[in-house]
Amino acid sequence: MKALVTGGAGFIGSHLVDHLVSQGVNVVVVDNLSMGDLHNIKHQGEVTIYIEDVRNEKFMQQLLQEERPDYIYFLAAVASVADSIERPAETHSVNQTAVFNMLEYLRKAELPIKKFLFTSSAAVYGNLPELPKTEGSRVDPLSPYAIDKYATERFVLAYGDLYDLPTVCVRFFNVYGPGQNPSSPYSGVLSILTDCLQNNKLFTLYGDGKQTRDFVYVEDVIQALWLITKSKTSHEVFNIANGNETSLNSIIKMYEMVAGSKLKIKVSHGREGEVKRSVANIGKLVKLGYTAKWSLEAGLSKYWEGTQQSEASRN
């Protein structure tokens, strides 16, 4: 069994790569390291790694012909809403065109695959009032990033239906855990909070802190991806989340308790294109056997413990 993971040196991608290796899967990674880091991959010696851009169409086609992966996980993305507003054309080329080109090549070359999994985002739901968000909820993408993710979902699912490709899409909610880079503009709020608490830095709170998110620990995300991989489901969308809504203010209080220190906060204006409330219905995933094993407090404690150990080992 062979798997191709684009963006495999990134935060979620590297966790997926390590899990696939532990399951005996032969893994191939493509990553241009614009956001990822090879040190994130624990089993580097057991993985074939190409430092290349997924937008290099000729390279990607040759790779698919030579490697012949059974499973393709498309995680490569420019994952920043703010960046997509600043550079819509460039982010579009990664978040949609590169995916479309791969689907089109799979169709034309008639390469046999067992599953093509595209990673989308809860950002597609936007600010519509219906909560919790089900996979069938109305969408209202507010940024070029969210628009690209939703449009690419439709390509992935339509190609699956029209050309008999076993495709599936997942919508990540707010994933956190070890391996996130707090200095990256694509980083999640929890990694930034961790860095600020650990190094006594000033945290910029955008808006009133009442914005809510559904935070899911990365090990639960990998559990969900593996369940979907093993299932026979195709041409479907799945929310990947914890199923609980938490405000940023509540997160800050909980993390201060976990860390045993007080956060220094600077309040700033809310950001353009930001979703106000977000929480998932994970019923479809539960039917595949998914159970969120990490509560937010347990996940934060594990995350904090890991950062402290990493800091101690560096010193």
C-alpha atoms as a PDB file:
ATOM      1  CA  MET A   1       0.000   0.000   0.000  1.00  0.00           C
ATOM      2  CA  LYS A   2       1.444   3.364  -1.009  1.00  0.00           C
ATOM      3  CA  ALA A   3       0.277   6.870  -0.081  1.00  0.00           C
ATOM      4  CA  LEU A   4       1.163  10.277  -1.487  1.00  0.00           C
ATOM      5  CA  VAL A   5       0.881  13.146   1.007  1.00  0.00           C
ATOM      6  CA  THR A   6       1.236  16.647  -0.425  1.00  0.00           C
ATOM      7  CA  GLY A   7       2.176  19.107   2.301  1.00  0.00           C
ATOM      8  CA  GLY A   8       3.516  16.150   4.265  1.00  0.00           C
ATOM      9  CA  ALA A   9       6.138  18.175   6.139  1.00  0.00           C
ATOM     10  CA  GLY A  10       3.526  20.562   7.504  1.00  0.00           C
ATOM     11  CA  PHE A  11       1.753  20.455  10.853  1.00  0.00           C
ATOM     12  CA  ILE A  12      -1.129  18.072  10.086  1.00  0.00           C
ATOM     13  CA  GLY A  13       0.637  16.418   7.147  1.00  0.00           C
ATOM     14  CA  SER A  14       3.620  15.277   9.216  1.00  0.00           C
ATOM     15  CA  HIS A  15       1.339  13.735  11.861  1.00  0.00           C
ATOM     16  CA  LEU A  16      -0.495  11.898   9.091  1.00  0.00           C
ATOM     17  CA  VAL A  17       2.783  10.713   7.541  1.00  0.00           C
ATOM     18  CA  ASP A  18       4.002   9.319  10.873  1.00  0.00           C
ATOM     19  CA  HIS A  19       0.702   7.509  11.414  1.00  0.00           C
ATOM     20  CA  LEU A  20       0.715   6.006   7.914  1.00  0.00           C
ATOM     21  CA  VAL A  21       4.273   4.752   8.432  1.00  0.00           C
ATOM     22  CA  SER A  22       3.215   3.176  11.745  1.00  0.00           C
ATOM     23  CA  GLN A  23       0.461   1.332   9.846  1.00  0.00           C
ATOM     24  CA  GLY A  24       2.962  -0.147   7.401  1.00  0.00           C
ATOM     25  CA  VAL A  25       2.102   2.186   4.514  1.00  0.00           C
ATOM     26  CA  ASN A  26       4.813   3.160   2.028  1.00  0.00           C
ATOM     27  CA  VAL A  27       4.696   6.974   2.112  1.00  0.00           C
ATOM     28  CA  VAL A  28       5.745   9.559  -0.479  1.00  0.00           C
ATOM     29  CA  VAL A  29       5.833  13.231   0.548  1.00  0.00           C
ATOM     30  CA  VAL A  30       5.821  16.315  -1.675  1.00  0.00           C
ATOM     31  CA  ASP A  31       6.446  19.614   0.114  1.00  0.00           C
ATOM     32  CA  ASN A  32       8.158  22.834  -0.957  1.00  0.00           C
ATOM     33  CA  LEU A  33       8.909  23.669   2.713  1.00  0.00           C
ATOM     34  CA  SER A  34       7.336  27.123   2.421  1.00  0.00           C
ATOM     35  CA  MET A  35       5.347  26.251   5.537  1.00  0.00           C
ATOM     36  CA  GLY A  36       6.565  22.778   6.479  1.00  0.00           C
ATOM     37  CA  ASP A  37       9.763  21.513   8.077  1.00  0.00           C
ATOM     38  CA  LEU A  38      11.374  18.131   7.473  1.00  0.00           C
ATOM     39  CA  HIS A  39      12.093  17.880  11.207  1.00  0.00           C
ATOM     40  CA  ASN A  40       8.339  17.489  11.717  1.00  0.00           C
ATOM     41  CA  ILE A  41       8.534  14.021  10.144  1.00  0.00           C
ATOM     42  CA  LYS A  42       9.724  11.552  12.777  1.00  0.00           C
ATOM     43  CA  HIS A  43      10.252   8.653  10.361  1.00  0.00           C
ATOM     44  CA  GLN A  44      12.229  10.469   7.674  1.00  0.00           C
ATOM     45  CA  GLY A  45      14.374   7.430   6.951  1.00  0.00           C
ATOM     46  CA  GLU A  46      11.282   5.398   6.041  1.00  0.00           C
ATOM     47  CA  VAL A  47       9.685   8.040   3.811  1.00  0.00           C
ATOM     48  CA  THR A  48      10.401   9.122   0.226  1.00  0.00           C
ATOM     49  CA  ILE A  49      10.547  12.925   0.262  1.00  0.00           C
ATOM     50  CA  TYR A  50      10.475  15.285  -2.715  1.00  0.00           C
ATOM     51  CA  ILE A  51      11.160  18.955  -1.987  1.00  0.00           C
ATOM     52  CA  GLU A  52       9.028  20.346  -4.782  1.00  0.00           C
ATOM     53  CA  ASP A  53       6.039  22.604  -5.414  1.00  0.00           C
ATOM     54  CA  VAL A  54       2.673  20.971  -6.182  1.00  0.00           C
ATOM     55  CA  ARG A  55       2.183  23.641  -8.858  1.00  0.00           C
ATOM     56  CA  ASN A  56       4.982  22.046 -10.908  1.00  0.00           C
ATOM     57  CA  GLU A  57       2.615  20.181 -13.189  1.00  0.00           C
ATOM     58  CA  LYS A  58       5.246  18.252 -15.145  1.00  0.00           C
ATOM     59  CA  PHE A  59       6.922  17.043 -11.959  1.00  0.00           C
ATOM     60  CA  MET A  60       3.642  15.982 -10.359  1.00  0.00           C
ATOM     61  CA  GLN A  61       2.581  14.025 -13.438  1.00  0.00           C
ATOM     62  CA  GLN A  62       5.903  12.211 -13.597  1.00  0.00           C
ATOM     63  CA  LEU A  63       5.682  11.482  -9.871  1.00  0.00           C
ATOM     64  CA  LEU A  64       2.213   9.938 -10.208  1.00  0.00           C
ATOM     65  CA  GLN A  65       3.407   7.752 -13.080  1.00  0.00           C
ATOM     66  CA  GLU A  66       6.520   6.574 -11.274  1.00  0.00           C
ATOM     67  CA  GLU A  67       5.210   6.194  -7.727  1.00  0.00           C
ATOM     68  CA  ARG A  68       1.677   4.953  -8.522  1.00  0.00           C
ATOM     69  CA  PRO A  69       0.147   5.784  -5.117  1.00  0.00           C
ATOM     70  CA  ASP A  70      -2.948   3.918  -3.952  1.00  0.00           C
ATOM     71  CA  TYR A  71      -4.002   6.797  -1.703  1.00  0.00           C
ATOM     72  CA  ILE A  72      -3.568  10.520  -2.294  1.00  0.00           C
ATOM     73  CA  TYR A  73      -3.954  13.006   0.550  1.00  0.00           C
ATOM     74  CA  PHE A  74      -3.934  16.581  -0.752  1.00  0.00           C
ATOM     75  CA  LEU A  75      -2.941  18.725   2.235  1.00  0.00           C
ATOM     76  CA  ALA A  76      -0.700  21.225   0.430  1.00  0.00           C
ATOM     77  CA  ALA A  77      -2.269  24.671   0.694  1.00  0.00           C
ATOM     78  CA  VAL A  78      -1.727  28.317   1.460  1.00  0.00           C
ATOM     79  CA  ALA A  79      -3.776  28.128   4.628  1.00  0.00           C
ATOM     80  CA  SER A  80      -4.111  31.771   5.619  1.00  0.00           C
ATOM     81  CA  VAL A  81      -7.280  33.809   5.117  1.00  0.00           C
ATOM     82  CA  ALA A  82      -5.281  37.030   5.467  1.00  0.00           C
ATOM     83  CA  ASP A  83      -2.712  35.851   2.923  1.00  0.00           C
ATOM     84  CA  SER A  84      -5.431  34.935   0.424  1.00  0.00           C
ATOM     85  CA  ILE A  85      -6.857  38.464   0.704  1.00  0.00           C
ATOM     86  CA  GLU A  86      -3.376  39.923   0.169  1.00  0.00           C
ATOM     87  CA  ARG A  87      -2.330  37.510  -2.619  1.00  0.00           C
ATOM     88  CA  PRO A  88      -5.492  35.963  -4.115  1.00  0.00           C
ATOM     89  CA  ALA A  89      -3.946  34.862  -7.422  1.00  0.00           C
ATOM     90  CA  GLU A  90      -0.996  33.059  -5.860  1.00  0.00           C
ATOM     91  CA  THR A  91      -3.067  31.325  -3.195  1.00  0.00           C
ATOM     92  CA  HIS A  92      -5.586  30.284  -5.876  1.00  0.00           C
ATOM     93  CA  SER A  93      -2.821  28.607  -7.863  1.00  0.00           C
ATOM     94  CA  VAL A  94      -2.034  26.357  -4.896  1.00  0.00           C
ATOM     95  CA  ASN A  95      -5.469  25.906  -3.335  1.00  0.00           C
ATOM     96  CA  GLN A  96      -7.375  25.168  -6.507  1.00  0.00           C
ATOM     97  CA  THR A  97      -5.353  24.962  -9.729  1.00  0.00           C
ATOM     98  CA  ALA A  98      -2.823  22.419  -8.432  1.00  0.00           C
ATOM     99  CA  VAL A  99      -5.634  20.150  -7.202  1.00  0.00           C
ATOM    100  CA  PHE A 100      -7.560  20.467 -10.448  1.00  0.00           C
ATOM    101  CA  ASN A 101      -4.453  19.642 -12.491  1.00  0.00           C
ATOM    102  CA  MET A 102      -3.893  16.473 -10.486  1.00  0.00           C
ATOM    103  CA  LEU A 103      -7.506  15.347 -10.876  1.00  0.00           C
ATOM    104  CA  GLU A 104      -7.366  16.007 -14.598  1.00  0.00           C
ATOM    105  CA  TYR A 105      -4.178  13.992 -14.967  1.00  0.00           C
ATOM    106  CA  LEU A 106      -5.609  11.094 -12.967  1.00  0.00           C
ATOM    107  CA  ARG A 107      -8.594  11.138 -15.315  1.00  0.00           C
ATOM    108  CA  LYS A 108      -6.623  11.345 -18.547  1.00  0.00           C
ATOM    109  CA  ALA A 109      -3.944   8.846 -17.556  1.00  0.00           C
ATOM    110  CA  GLU A 110      -6.553   6.533 -16.025  1.00  0.00           C
ATOM    111  CA  LEU A 111      -4.324   5.878 -13.040  1.00  0.00           C
ATOM    112  CA  PRO A 112      -5.953   3.464 -10.587  1.00  0.00           C
ATOM    113  CA  ILE A 113      -6.303   4.877  -7.062  1.00  0.00           C
ATOM    114  CA  LYS A 114      -8.164   3.685  -3.991  1.00  0.00           C
ATOM    115  CA  LYS A 115      -8.896   7.136  -2.574  1.00  0.00           C
ATOM    116  CA  PHE A 116      -8.256  10.797  -3.294  1.00  0.00           C
ATOM    117  CA  LEU A 117      -8.764  12.840  -0.122  1.00  0.00           C
ATOM    118  CA  PHE A 118      -8.874  16.623  -0.341  1.00  0.00           C
ATOM    119  CA  THR A 119      -8.552  18.686   2.822  1.00  0.00           C
ATOM    120  CA  SER A 120     -10.943  21.613   2.908  1.00  0.00           C
ATOM    121  CA  SER A 121     -11.863  23.974   5.726  1.00  0.00           C
ATOM    122  CA  ALA A 122     -14.688  25.052   8.020  1.00  0.00           C
ATOM    123  CA  ALA A 123     -14.068  28.517   6.540  1.00  0.00           C
ATOM    124  CA  VAL A 124     -16.450  27.552   3.705  1.00  0.00           C
ATOM    125  CA  TYR A 125     -19.426  27.943   6.063  1.00  0.00           C
ATOM    126  CA  GLY A 126     -18.824  31.639   6.692  1.00  0.00           C
ATOM    127  CA  ASN A 127     -21.049  33.589   9.074  1.00  0.00           C
ATOM    128  CA  LEU A 128     -24.467  32.129   8.307  1.00  0.00           C
ATOM    129  CA  PRO A 129     -26.439  31.716  11.553  1.00  0.00           C
ATOM    130  CA  GLU A 130     -27.290  28.010  11.447  1.00  0.00           C
ATOM    131  CA  LEU A 131     -25.319  26.085  14.071  1.00  0.00           C
ATOM    132  CA  PRO A 132     -23.906  23.519  14.443  1.00  0.00           C
ATOM    133  CA  LYS A 133     -22.637  23.197  10.899  1.00  0.00           C
ATOM    134  CA  THR A 134     -23.535  19.969   9.121  1.00  0.00           C
ATOM    135  CA  GLU A 135     -21.962  18.944   5.849  1.00  0.00           C
ATOM    136  CA  GLY A 136     -25.255  19.923   4.183  1.00  0.00           C
ATOM    137  CA  SER A 137     -25.409  23.395   5.757  1.00  0.00           C
ATOM    138  CA  ARG A 138     -25.485  26.430   3.495  1.00  0.00           C
ATOM    139  CA  VAL A 139     -22.076  27.883   2.743  1.00  0.00           C
ATOM    140  CA  ASP A 140     -20.990  31.521   2.593  1.00  0.00           C
ATOM    141  CA  PRO A 141     -17.228  31.685   1.931  1.00  0.00           C
ATOM    142  CA  LEU A 142     -15.970  35.141   2.898  1.00  0.00           C
ATOM    143  CA  SER A 143     -12.386  35.111   1.594  1.00  0.00           C
ATOM    144  CA  PRO A 144     -10.485  33.935  -1.483  1.00  0.00           C
ATOM    145  CA  TYR A 145      -9.142  31.090   0.700  1.00  0.00           C
ATOM    146  CA  ALA A 146     -12.627  29.888   1.623  1.00  0.00           C
ATOM    147  CA  ILE A 147     -13.913  30.348  -1.942  1.00  0.00           C
ATOM    148  CA  ASP A 148     -11.051  28.255  -3.334  1.00  0.00           C
ATOM    149  CA  LYS A 149     -11.591  25.520  -0.760  1.00  0.00           C
ATOM    150  CA  TYR A 150     -15.296  25.244  -1.526  1.00  0.00           C
ATOM    151  CA  ALA A 151     -14.897  25.433  -5.303  1.00  0.00           C
ATOM    152  CA  THR A 152     -12.173  22.777  -5.167  1.00  0.00           C
ATOM    153  CA  GLU A 153     -14.427  20.526  -3.084  1.00  0.00           C
ATOM    154  CA  ARG A 154     -16.977  20.696  -5.899  1.00  0.00           C
ATOM    155  CA  PHE A 155     -14.336  19.777  -8.494  1.00  0.00           C
ATOM    156  CA  VAL A 156     -13.132  16.853  -6.352  1.00  0.00           C
ATOM    157  CA  LEU A 157     -16.639  15.482  -5.796  1.00  0.00           C
ATOM    158  CA  ALA A 158     -17.783  16.063  -9.386  1.00  0.00           C
ATOM    159  CA  TYR A 159     -14.685  14.348 -10.793  1.00  0.00           C
ATOM    160  CA  GLY A 160     -15.430  11.460  -8.493  1.00  0.00           C
ATOM    161  CA  ASP A 161     -18.984  11.153  -9.787  1.00  0.00           C
ATOM    162  CA  LEU A 162     -18.300  11.827 -13.454  1.00  0.00           C
ATOM    163  CA  TYR A 163     -15.106   9.841 -13.931  1.00  0.00           C
ATOM    164  CA  ASP A 164     -15.463   7.139 -11.294  1.00  0.00           C
ATOM    165  CA  LEU A 165     -12.673   8.398  -9.060  1.00  0.00           C
ATOM    166  CA  PRO A 166     -12.969   7.467  -5.351  1.00  0.00           C
ATOM    167  CA  THR A 167     -12.858  11.023  -3.999  1.00  0.00           C
ATOM    168  CA  VAL A 168     -13.701  12.419  -0.576  1.00  0.00           C
ATOM    169  CA  CYS A 169     -13.385  15.858   1.069  1.00  0.00           C
ATOM    170  CA  VAL A 170     -12.846  16.754   4.715  1.00  0.00           C
ATOM    171  CA  ARG A 171     -13.474  20.111   6.356  1.00  0.00           C
ATOM    172  CA  PHE A 172     -10.977  20.774   9.129  1.00  0.00           C
ATOM    173  CA  PHE A 173     -12.180  22.944  11.963  1.00  0.00           C
ATOM    174  CA  ASN A 174      -9.541  24.419  14.324  1.00  0.00           C
ATOM    175  CA  VAL A 175      -6.774  21.858  14.608  1.00  0.00           C
ATOM    176  CA  TYR A 176      -4.075  22.256  17.257  1.00  0.00           C
ATOM    177  CA  GLY A 177      -1.235  20.255  18.729  1.00  0.00           C
ATOM    178  CA  PRO A 178       2.530  19.753  18.640  1.00  0.00           C
ATOM    179  CA  GLY A 179       4.287  20.800  15.454  1.00  0.00           C
ATOM    180  CA  GLN A 180       2.482  24.090  14.835  1.00  0.00           C
ATOM    181  CA  ASN A 181       4.838  26.960  14.149  1.00  0.00           C
ATOM    182  CA  PRO A 182       3.783  30.062  16.138  1.00  0.00           C
ATOM    183  CA  SER A 183       5.945  32.359  14.019  1.00  0.00           C
ATOM    184  CA  SER A 184       4.168  31.322  10.807  1.00  0.00           C
ATOM    185  CA  PRO A 185       1.452  33.628   9.439  1.00  0.00           C
ATOM    186  CA  TYR A 186      -0.589  30.452   8.874  1.00  0.00           C
ATOM    187  CA  SER A 187      -0.398  29.348  12.478  1.00  0.00           C
ATOM    188  CA  GLY A 188      -3.474  28.597  14.564  1.00  0.00           C
ATOM    189  CA  VAL A 189      -4.364  30.801  17.512  1.00  0.00           C
ATOM    190  CA  LEU A 190      -3.462  28.104  20.044  1.00  0.00           C
ATOM    191  CA  SER A 191       0.139  27.870  18.883  1.00  0.00           C
ATOM    192  CA  ILE A 192       0.404  31.665  19.109  1.00  0.00           C
ATOM    193  CA  LEU A 193      -1.093  31.587  22.623  1.00  0.00           C
ATOM    194  CA  THR A 194       1.387  28.856  23.573  1.00  0.00           C
ATOM    195  CA  ASP A 195       4.318  30.924  22.346  1.00  0.00           C
ATOM    196  CA  CYS A 196       3.093  34.035  24.185  1.00  0.00           C
ATOM    197  CA  LEU A 197       2.543  32.184  27.472  1.00  0.00           C
ATOM    198  CA  GLN A 198       5.846  30.350  27.230  1.00  0.00           C
ATOM    199  CA  ASN A 199       7.939  33.390  26.365  1.00  0.00           C
ATOM    200  CA  ASN A 200       5.981  36.128  28.159  1.00  0.00           C
ATOM    201  CA  LYS A 201       5.102  37.797  24.862  1.00  0.00           C
ATOM    202  CA  LEU A 202       2.241  40.177  24.165  1.00  0.00           C
ATOM    203  CA  PHE A 203      -0.798  38.480  22.598  1.00  0.00           C
ATOM    204  CA  THR A 204      -2.856  40.526  20.125  1.00  0.00           C
ATOM    205  CA  LEU A 205      -6.569  39.874  20.616  1.00  0.00           C
ATOM    206  CA  TYR A 206      -8.453  40.794  17.447  1.00  0.00           C
ATOM    207  CA  GLY A 207     -11.985  41.887  18.292  1.00  0.00           C
ATOM    208  CA  ASP A 208     -13.789  41.227  21.574  1.00  0.00           C
ATOM    209  CA  GLY A 209     -12.708  37.612  22.074  1.00  0.00           C
ATOM    210  CA  LYS A 210     -16.297  36.379  21.775  1.00  0.00           C
ATOM    211  CA  GLN A 211     -15.592  34.704  18.444  1.00  0.00           C
ATOM    212  CA  THR A 212     -16.014  30.943  18.840  1.00  0.00           C
ATOM    213  CA  ARG A 213     -14.268  27.957  17.336  1.00  0.00           C
ATOM    214  CA  ASP A 214     -14.441  24.167  17.415  1.00  0.00           C
ATOM    215  CA  PHE A 215     -10.938  23.123  18.508  1.00  0.00           C
ATOM    216  CA  VAL A 216      -9.814  19.574  17.716  1.00  0.00           C
ATOM    217  CA  TYR A 217      -6.565  17.959  18.836  1.00  0.00           C
ATOM    218  CA  VAL A 218      -4.391  16.733  15.975  1.00  0.00           C
ATOM    219  CA  GLU A 219      -4.431  13.087  17.132  1.00  0.00           C
ATOM    220  CA  ASP A 220      -8.219  13.079  16.751  1.00  0.00           C
ATOM    221  CA  VAL A 221      -7.812  14.523  13.251  1.00  0.00           C
ATOM    222  CA  ILE A 222      -5.477  11.679  12.295  1.00  0.00           C
ATOM    223  CA  GLN A 223      -7.909   9.160  13.782  1.00  0.00           C
ATOM    224  CA  ALA A 224     -10.640  10.630  11.546  1.00  0.00           C
ATOM    225  CA  LEU A 225      -8.481  10.602   8.403  1.00  0.00           C
ATOM    226  CA  TRP A 226      -7.532   6.968   8.989  1.00  0.00           C
ATOM    227  CA  LEU A 227     -11.172   5.940   9.520  1.00  0.00           C
ATOM    228  CA  ILE A 228     -12.127   7.634   6.240  1.00  0.00           C
ATOM    229  CA  THR A 229      -9.180   5.971   4.495  1.00  0.00           C
ATOM    230  CA  LYS A 230     -10.279   2.509   5.608  1.00  0.00           C
ATOM    231  CA  SER A 231     -13.964   3.096   4.854  1.00  0.00           C
ATOM    232  CA  LYS A 232     -15.580   2.475   1.481  1.00  0.00           C
ATOM    233  CA  THR A 233     -17.147   5.923   1.473  1.00  0.00           C
ATOM    234  CA  SER A 234     -16.573   8.176  -1.519  1.00  0.00           C
ATOM    235  CA  HIS A 235     -17.963  11.329  -3.147  1.00  0.00           C
ATOM    236  CA  GLU A 236     -18.775  12.707   0.313  1.00  0.00           C
ATOM    237  CA  VAL A 237     -17.788  15.556   2.629  1.00  0.00           C
ATOM    238  CA  PHE A 238     -16.935  15.090   6.317  1.00  0.00           C
ATOM    239  CA  ASN A 239     -16.531  17.629   9.094  1.00  0.00           C
ATOM    240  CA  ILE A 240     -13.473  16.895  11.232  1.00  0.00           C
ATOM    241  CA  ALA A 241     -13.880  18.541  14.614  1.00  0.00           C
ATOM    242  CA  ASN A 242     -14.572  17.974  18.294  1.00  0.00           C
ATOM    243  CA  GLY A 243     -18.208  19.067  18.227  1.00  0.00           C
ATOM    244  CA  ASN A 244     -17.875  21.716  20.955  1.00  0.00           C
ATOM    245  CA  GLU A 245     -18.075  25.513  20.623  1.00  0.00           C
ATOM    246  CA  THR A 246     -15.581  27.542  22.666  1.00  0.00           C
ATOM    247  CA  SER A 247     -14.987  31.296  22.704  1.00  0.00           C
ATOM    248  CA  LEU A 248     -11.499  32.699  22.438  1.00  0.00           C
ATOM    249  CA  ASN A 249     -11.966  34.371  25.837  1.00  0.00           C
ATOM    250  CA  SER A 250     -12.743  30.958  27.397  1.00  0.00           C
ATOM    251  CA  ILE A 251      -9.734  29.400  25.696  1.00  0.00           C
ATOM    252  CA  ILE A 252      -7.457  32.087  27.109  1.00  0.00           C
ATOM    253  CA  LYS A 253      -8.746  31.519  30.655  1.00  0.00           C
ATOM    254  CA  MET A 254      -8.409  27.732  30.352  1.00  0.00           C
ATOM    255  CA  TYR A 255      -4.898  27.942  28.925  1.00  0.00           C
ATOM    256  CA  GLU A 256      -3.787  30.379  31.634  1.00  0.00           C
ATOM    257  CA  MET A 257      -4.878  27.778  34.196  1.00  0.00           C
ATOM    258  CA  VAL A 258      -3.048  24.981  32.361  1.00  0.00           C
ATOM    259  CA  ALA A 259       0.141  27.061  32.014  1.00  0.00           C
ATOM    260  CA  GLY A 260      -0.069  28.579  35.475  1.00  0.00           C
ATOM    261  CA  SER A 261       0.659  32.057  34.167  1.00  0.00           C
ATOM    262  CA  LYS A 262      -1.194  35.188  33.057  1.00  0.00           C
ATOM    263  CA  LEU A 263      -1.325  36.253  29.428  1.00  0.00           C
ATOM    264  CA  LYS A 264      -0.399  39.812  28.448  1.00  0.00           C
ATOM    265  CA  ILE A 265      -3.063  41.037  26.005  1.00  0.00           C
ATOM    266  CA  LYS A 266      -3.280  43.900  23.511  1.00  0.00           C
ATOM    267  CA  VAL A 267      -6.753  44.422  22.006  1.00  0.00           C
ATOM    268  CA  SER A 268      -6.995  45.306  18.308  1.00  0.00           C
ATOM    269  CA  HIS A 269      -9.766  45.666  15.714  1.00  0.00           C
ATOM    270  CA  GLY A 270     -11.410  42.511  14.359  1.00  0.00           C
ATOM    271  CA  ARG A 271      -9.963  41.114  11.141  1.00  0.00           C
ATOM    272  CA  GLU A 272     -11.619  41.310   7.750  1.00  0.00           C
ATOM    273  CA  GLY A 273     -13.139  38.031   6.562  1.00  0.00           C
ATOM    274  CA  GLU A 274     -13.051  36.424  10.014  1.00  0.00           C
ATOM    275  CA  VAL A 275     -15.857  34.033  10.966  1.00  0.00           C
ATOM    276  CA  LYS A 276     -17.630  34.984  14.218  1.00  0.00           C
ATOM    277  CA  ARG A 277     -18.996  31.613  15.365  1.00  0.00           C
ATOM    278  CA  SER A 278     -18.030  28.100  14.376  1.00  0.00           C
ATOM    279  CA  VAL A 279     -18.975  24.633  15.653  1.00  0.00           C
ATOM    280  CA  ALA A 280     -19.448  21.340  13.835  1.00  0.00           C
ATOM    281  CA  ASN A 281     -21.970  18.569  13.793  1.00  0.00           C
ATOM    282  CA  ILE A 282     -19.778  15.443  13.537  1.00  0.00           C
ATOM    283  CA  GLY A 283     -22.579  12.889  13.213  1.00  0.00           C
ATOM    284  CA  LYS A 284     -21.396  11.585   9.827  1.00  0.00           C
ATOM    285  CA  LEU A 285     -17.916  10.956  11.190  1.00  0.00           C
ATOM    286  CA  VAL A 286     -19.273   9.270  14.315  1.00  0.00           C
ATOM    287  CA  LYS A 287     -21.128   6.792  12.080  1.00  0.00           C
ATOM    288  CA  LEU A 288     -17.725   5.674  10.752  1.00  0.00           C
ATOM    289  CA  GLY A 289     -16.627   4.923  14.336  1.00  0.00           C
ATOM    290  CA  TYR A 290     -15.099   8.272  15.299  1.00  0.00           C
ATOM    291  CA  THR A 291     -14.989   9.367  18.921  1.00  0.00           C
ATOM    292  CA  ALA A 292     -13.201  12.570  19.949  1.00  0.00           C
ATOM    293  CA  LYS A 293     -10.723  11.232  22.499  1.00  0.00           C
ATOM    294  CA  TRP A 294      -9.209  14.557  23.522  1.00  0.00           C
ATOM    295  CA  SER A 295     -11.159  17.114  25.523  1.00  0.00           C
ATOM    296  CA  LEU A 296      -9.958  20.676  25.111  1.00  0.00           C
ATOM    297  CA  GLU A 297      -8.446  20.793  28.596  1.00  0.00           C
ATOM    298  CA  ALA A 298      -6.670  17.457  28.106  1.00  0.00           C
ATOM    299  CA  GLY A 299      -5.402  18.510  24.690  1.00  0.00           C
ATOM    300  CA  LEU A 300      -4.130  21.845  25.966  1.00  0.00           C
ATOM    301  CA  SER A 301      -2.400  20.128  28.882  1.00  0.00           C
ATOM    302  CA  LYS A 302      -0.701  17.652  26.536  1.00  0.00           C
ATOM    303  CA  TYR A 303       0.248  20.431  24.133  1.00  0.00           C
ATOM    304  CA  TRP A 304       1.686  22.595  26.928  1.00  0.00           C
ATOM    305  CA  GLU A 305       3.583  19.668  28.440  1.00  0.00           C
ATOM    306  CA  GLY A 306       5.148  18.915  25.052  1.00  0.00           C
ATOM    307  CA  THR A 307       6.260  22.508  24.490  1.00  0.00           C
ATOM    308  CA  GLN A 308       7.845  22.616  27.936  1.00  0.00           C
ATOM    309  CA  GLN A 309       9.757  19.403  27.231  1.00  0.00           C
ATOM    310  CA  SER A 310      10.921  20.724  23.855  1.00  0.00           C
ATOM    311  CA  GLU A 311      12.113  23.952  25.482  1.00  0.00           C
ATOM    312  CA  ALA A 312      13.980  22.018  28.182  1.00  0.00           C
ATOM    313  CA  SER A 313      15.696  19.784  25.606  1.00  0.00           C
ATOM    314  CA  ARG A 314      16.856  22.853  23.640  1.00  0.00           C
ATOM    315  CA  ASN A 315      18.367  24.329  26.777  1.00  0.00           C
END
